[in-house]
Amino acid sequence: MKLYGVRTSPYVRHARVALTQSNLEWELEQVTLDTIGQSPTLRVPFLIDGDLTLSDSSVIVRYVREQSGQAFLATVADHELFALATSVLDTAVNVYLMNIGDSADLAEVPAGASVIGFDPKTYFERQQERVAVGMQELERCQLSSSQPYTDGEIRLACLLDWAAYRGTIDLSGKDNLCRFLTEIRTWPPFAETAPDL
């Protein structure tokens, strides 16, 4: 079983945590320009296990959990946490990839709608608002103070640690999330998959 990706991807990290918790034989293959073509979506992560290719992190985590006899999103509450964290993560990654670092950069973004009604400046501001509102909602969540962690919590931790690593989301005033991140960083499967190792 080969997981293709990059160490800094929070989506790859969640799959790596699940694989680390499993008793399955696997290896991480750093994706290259030559190997990305094996992904049906040209994105990471993707997993190849024999004739099976999976191209989405949530499907990969589910597959790994099922193969190792572990639960995946066993409750509606955990599935909601997973979905909320993924939504905020998707939006935060999108904002990060837009490469607009500050208000001076934003001032350079063209304003005004395109032929199809797309306004890049308004879009960027809306994405920032989505991240802020999502983080407020995540701050209100009841989170474990020790292992075992659920996949919803692991996805949240991947978001938070990626945000800290990339400096993309201000966690000040988010005491619940900061406490949770501090605690999960000591959990071996999470610590062993840190992007900067």
Protein backbone atom coordinates (compact mmCIF):
# COMPACT_ATOMS: atom_id res chain seq x y z
CA MET A 1 0.00 0.00 0.00
CA LYS A 2 1.46 3.37 -1.05
CA LEU A 3 0.24 6.76 0.05
CA TYR A 4 1.35 9.50 -2.31
CA GLY A 5 1.62 13.04 -1.05
CA VAL A 6 3.70 15.71 0.60
CA ARG A 7 4.48 15.95 4.31
CA THR A 8 3.11 19.49 4.60
CA SER A 9 -0.40 18.64 3.34
CA PRO A 10 -2.98 18.45 6.17
CA TYR A 11 -5.05 16.03 4.06
CA VAL A 12 -2.06 13.72 3.58
CA ARG A 13 -1.33 14.04 7.28
CA HIS A 14 -4.74 12.72 8.30
CA ALA A 15 -4.22 9.68 6.07
CA ARG A 16 -0.74 9.23 7.56
CA VAL A 17 -2.14 9.34 11.11
CA ALA A 18 -4.74 6.68 10.22
CA LEU A 19 -2.09 4.50 8.57
CA THR A 20 0.23 4.96 11.58
CA GLN A 21 -2.59 3.74 13.85
CA SER A 22 -3.28 0.71 11.66
CA ASN A 23 -1.36 -2.55 11.54
CA LEU A 24 -1.19 -2.30 7.76
CA GLU A 25 2.00 -2.34 5.73
CA TRP A 26 2.33 0.97 3.92
CA GLU A 27 4.79 3.57 2.81
CA LEU A 28 4.67 7.27 2.04
CA GLU A 29 5.83 8.14 -1.46
CA GLN A 30 6.73 11.79 -1.90
CA VAL A 31 4.73 12.85 -4.97
CA THR A 32 6.66 14.16 -7.97
CA LEU A 33 5.75 15.58 -11.36
CA ASP A 34 6.21 12.04 -12.68
CA THR A 35 3.93 10.36 -10.13
CA ILE A 36 1.12 12.93 -9.80
CA GLY A 37 -0.31 11.64 -13.09
CA GLN A 38 -1.33 8.45 -11.28
CA SER A 39 -3.91 10.43 -9.31
CA PRO A 40 -7.34 10.54 -10.98
CA THR A 41 -7.66 14.17 -9.82
CA LEU A 42 -3.99 15.22 -10.14
CA ARG A 43 -4.11 16.01 -6.41
CA VAL A 44 -2.74 14.59 -3.18
CA PRO A 45 -3.22 12.47 -1.30
CA PHE A 46 -3.91 9.42 -3.33
CA LEU A 47 -3.47 5.83 -2.24
CA ILE A 48 -2.65 2.80 -4.36
CA ASP A 49 -3.30 -0.65 -2.93
CA GLY A 50 -2.89 -3.26 -5.64
CA ASP A 51 -5.48 -2.50 -8.32
CA LEU A 52 -7.31 -0.02 -6.09
CA THR A 53 -6.64 3.72 -6.37
CA LEU A 54 -8.31 6.15 -3.96
CA SER A 55 -8.12 9.88 -4.58
CA ASP A 56 -9.69 11.64 -1.59
CA SER A 57 -8.32 11.88 1.94
CA SER A 58 -11.64 11.06 3.61
CA VAL A 59 -12.10 7.96 1.47
CA ILE A 60 -8.50 6.93 2.15
CA VAL A 61 -8.99 7.31 5.91
CA ARG A 62 -12.25 5.33 5.75
CA TYR A 63 -10.56 2.57 3.73
CA VAL A 64 -7.65 2.37 6.18
CA ARG A 65 -10.02 2.27 9.16
CA GLU A 66 -12.10 -0.51 7.56
CA GLN A 67 -9.01 -2.53 6.60
CA SER A 68 -7.72 -2.35 10.17
CA GLY A 69 -11.09 -2.93 11.89
CA GLN A 70 -11.35 0.57 13.32
CA ALA A 71 -14.34 2.91 13.45
CA PHE A 72 -14.62 5.87 11.08
CA LEU A 73 -16.97 8.73 11.96
CA ALA A 74 -19.03 6.53 14.24
CA THR A 75 -21.41 9.31 15.36
CA VAL A 76 -23.25 12.14 13.63
CA ALA A 77 -21.51 14.60 15.98
CA ASP A 78 -18.07 13.36 14.91
CA HIS A 79 -19.07 13.42 11.24
CA GLU A 80 -20.26 17.02 11.68
CA LEU A 81 -16.94 17.98 13.34
CA PHE A 82 -15.07 16.29 10.48
CA ALA A 83 -17.18 18.13 7.87
CA LEU A 84 -16.86 21.50 9.60
CA ALA A 85 -13.09 21.14 10.01
CA THR A 86 -12.76 20.03 6.37
CA SER A 87 -14.84 22.96 5.15
CA VAL A 88 -12.70 25.45 7.07
CA LEU A 89 -9.54 23.66 5.92
CA ASP A 90 -10.61 23.69 2.25
CA THR A 91 -11.36 27.41 2.50
CA ALA A 92 -8.14 28.22 4.38
CA VAL A 93 -6.05 26.33 1.81
CA ASN A 94 -7.85 28.20 -0.96
CA VAL A 95 -7.07 31.56 0.71
CA TYR A 96 -3.45 30.49 1.25
CA LEU A 97 -3.06 29.52 -2.41
CA MET A 98 -4.40 32.91 -3.51
CA ASN A 99 -1.13 34.29 -2.06
CA ILE A 100 -2.62 37.49 -0.68
CA GLY A 101 -0.63 38.19 2.44
CA ASP A 102 -1.95 41.52 3.69
CA SER A 103 -4.18 44.49 2.93
CA ALA A 104 -1.58 45.94 0.53
CA ASP A 105 -1.71 42.72 -1.50
CA LEU A 106 -5.50 42.78 -1.37
CA ALA A 107 -5.52 46.35 -2.69
CA GLU A 108 -3.76 45.03 -5.81
CA VAL A 109 -6.49 42.47 -6.49
CA PRO A 110 -8.73 43.66 -9.31
CA ALA A 111 -12.23 44.63 -8.23
CA GLY A 112 -15.35 44.32 -10.30
CA ALA A 113 -17.27 41.42 -11.69
CA SER A 114 -16.14 39.39 -14.66
CA VAL A 115 -18.48 38.34 -17.46
CA ILE A 116 -19.71 35.48 -15.28
CA GLY A 117 -20.10 37.70 -12.22
CA PHE A 118 -16.90 36.63 -10.41
CA ASP A 119 -15.22 39.38 -8.37
CA PRO A 120 -11.81 38.20 -7.03
CA LYS A 121 -11.63 40.79 -4.26
CA THR A 122 -15.12 40.02 -2.95
CA TYR A 123 -14.41 36.30 -3.27
CA PHE A 124 -11.22 36.58 -1.19
CA GLU A 125 -12.98 38.62 1.50
CA ARG A 126 -15.85 36.10 1.59
CA GLN A 127 -13.41 33.22 2.02
CA GLN A 128 -11.71 35.00 4.91
CA GLU A 129 -15.11 35.52 6.53
CA ARG A 130 -15.95 31.80 6.08
CA VAL A 131 -12.72 30.83 7.84
CA ALA A 132 -13.38 33.26 10.73
CA VAL A 133 -16.98 32.08 11.23
CA GLY A 134 -15.94 28.42 10.93
CA MET A 135 -13.20 28.88 13.51
CA GLN A 136 -15.68 30.46 15.93
CA GLU A 137 -17.94 27.43 15.52
CA LEU A 138 -15.01 25.03 16.00
CA GLU A 139 -14.02 26.90 19.17
CA ARG A 140 -17.44 26.00 20.63
CA CYS A 141 -17.01 22.27 20.01
CA GLN A 142 -16.56 19.83 22.86
CA LEU A 143 -13.16 18.21 22.25
CA SER A 144 -11.31 15.34 23.92
CA SER A 145 -8.61 16.19 26.40
CA SER A 146 -6.77 12.93 25.77
CA GLN A 147 -6.67 9.97 23.42
CA PRO A 148 -8.39 8.13 21.85
CA TYR A 149 -9.11 10.85 19.29
CA THR A 150 -11.86 10.54 16.71
CA ASP A 151 -11.38 11.21 13.01
CA GLY A 152 -13.29 14.46 13.40
CA GLU A 153 -10.79 15.55 16.04
CA ILE A 154 -7.84 14.35 13.97
CA ARG A 155 -9.08 16.34 10.96
CA LEU A 156 -9.46 19.39 13.21
CA ALA A 157 -5.95 18.90 14.58
CA CYS A 158 -4.56 18.65 11.03
CA LEU A 159 -6.28 21.96 10.22
CA LEU A 160 -4.99 23.69 13.35
CA ASP A 161 -1.41 22.46 13.05
CA TRP A 162 -1.32 23.32 9.32
CA ALA A 163 -2.65 26.81 10.13
CA ALA A 164 0.06 27.25 12.76
CA TYR A 165 2.74 25.86 10.43
CA ARG A 166 1.72 28.14 7.55
CA GLY A 167 0.73 31.11 9.74
CA THR A 168 -2.64 31.31 8.01
CA ILE A 169 -5.17 31.50 10.85
CA ASP A 170 -4.86 33.55 14.03
CA LEU A 171 -5.63 31.25 16.95
CA SER A 172 -5.37 33.97 19.61
CA GLY A 173 -8.43 34.00 21.83
CA LYS A 174 -9.31 30.44 20.76
CA ASP A 175 -8.46 28.88 24.13
CA ASN A 176 -10.38 25.65 23.55
CA LEU A 177 -8.70 25.03 20.18
CA CYS A 178 -5.25 26.00 21.49
CA ARG A 179 -5.62 23.62 24.46
CA PHE A 180 -6.73 20.84 22.16
CA LEU A 181 -3.84 21.41 19.74
CA THR A 182 -1.30 21.48 22.58
CA GLU A 183 -2.59 18.15 23.90
CA ILE A 184 -2.90 16.31 20.59
CA ARG A 185 0.63 17.39 19.59
CA THR A 186 1.92 15.06 22.32
CA TRP A 187 0.03 12.05 20.94
CA PRO A 188 2.61 9.87 19.13
CA PRO A 189 0.67 9.23 15.85
CA PHE A 190 0.15 13.00 15.49
CA ALA A 191 3.66 13.99 16.61
CA GLU A 192 5.28 11.47 14.25
CA THR A 193 3.46 12.96 11.26
CA ALA A 194 4.36 16.62 11.89
CA PRO A 195 5.17 18.38 8.62
CA ASP A 196 8.55 19.68 9.70
CA LEU A 197 10.08 16.33 10.69
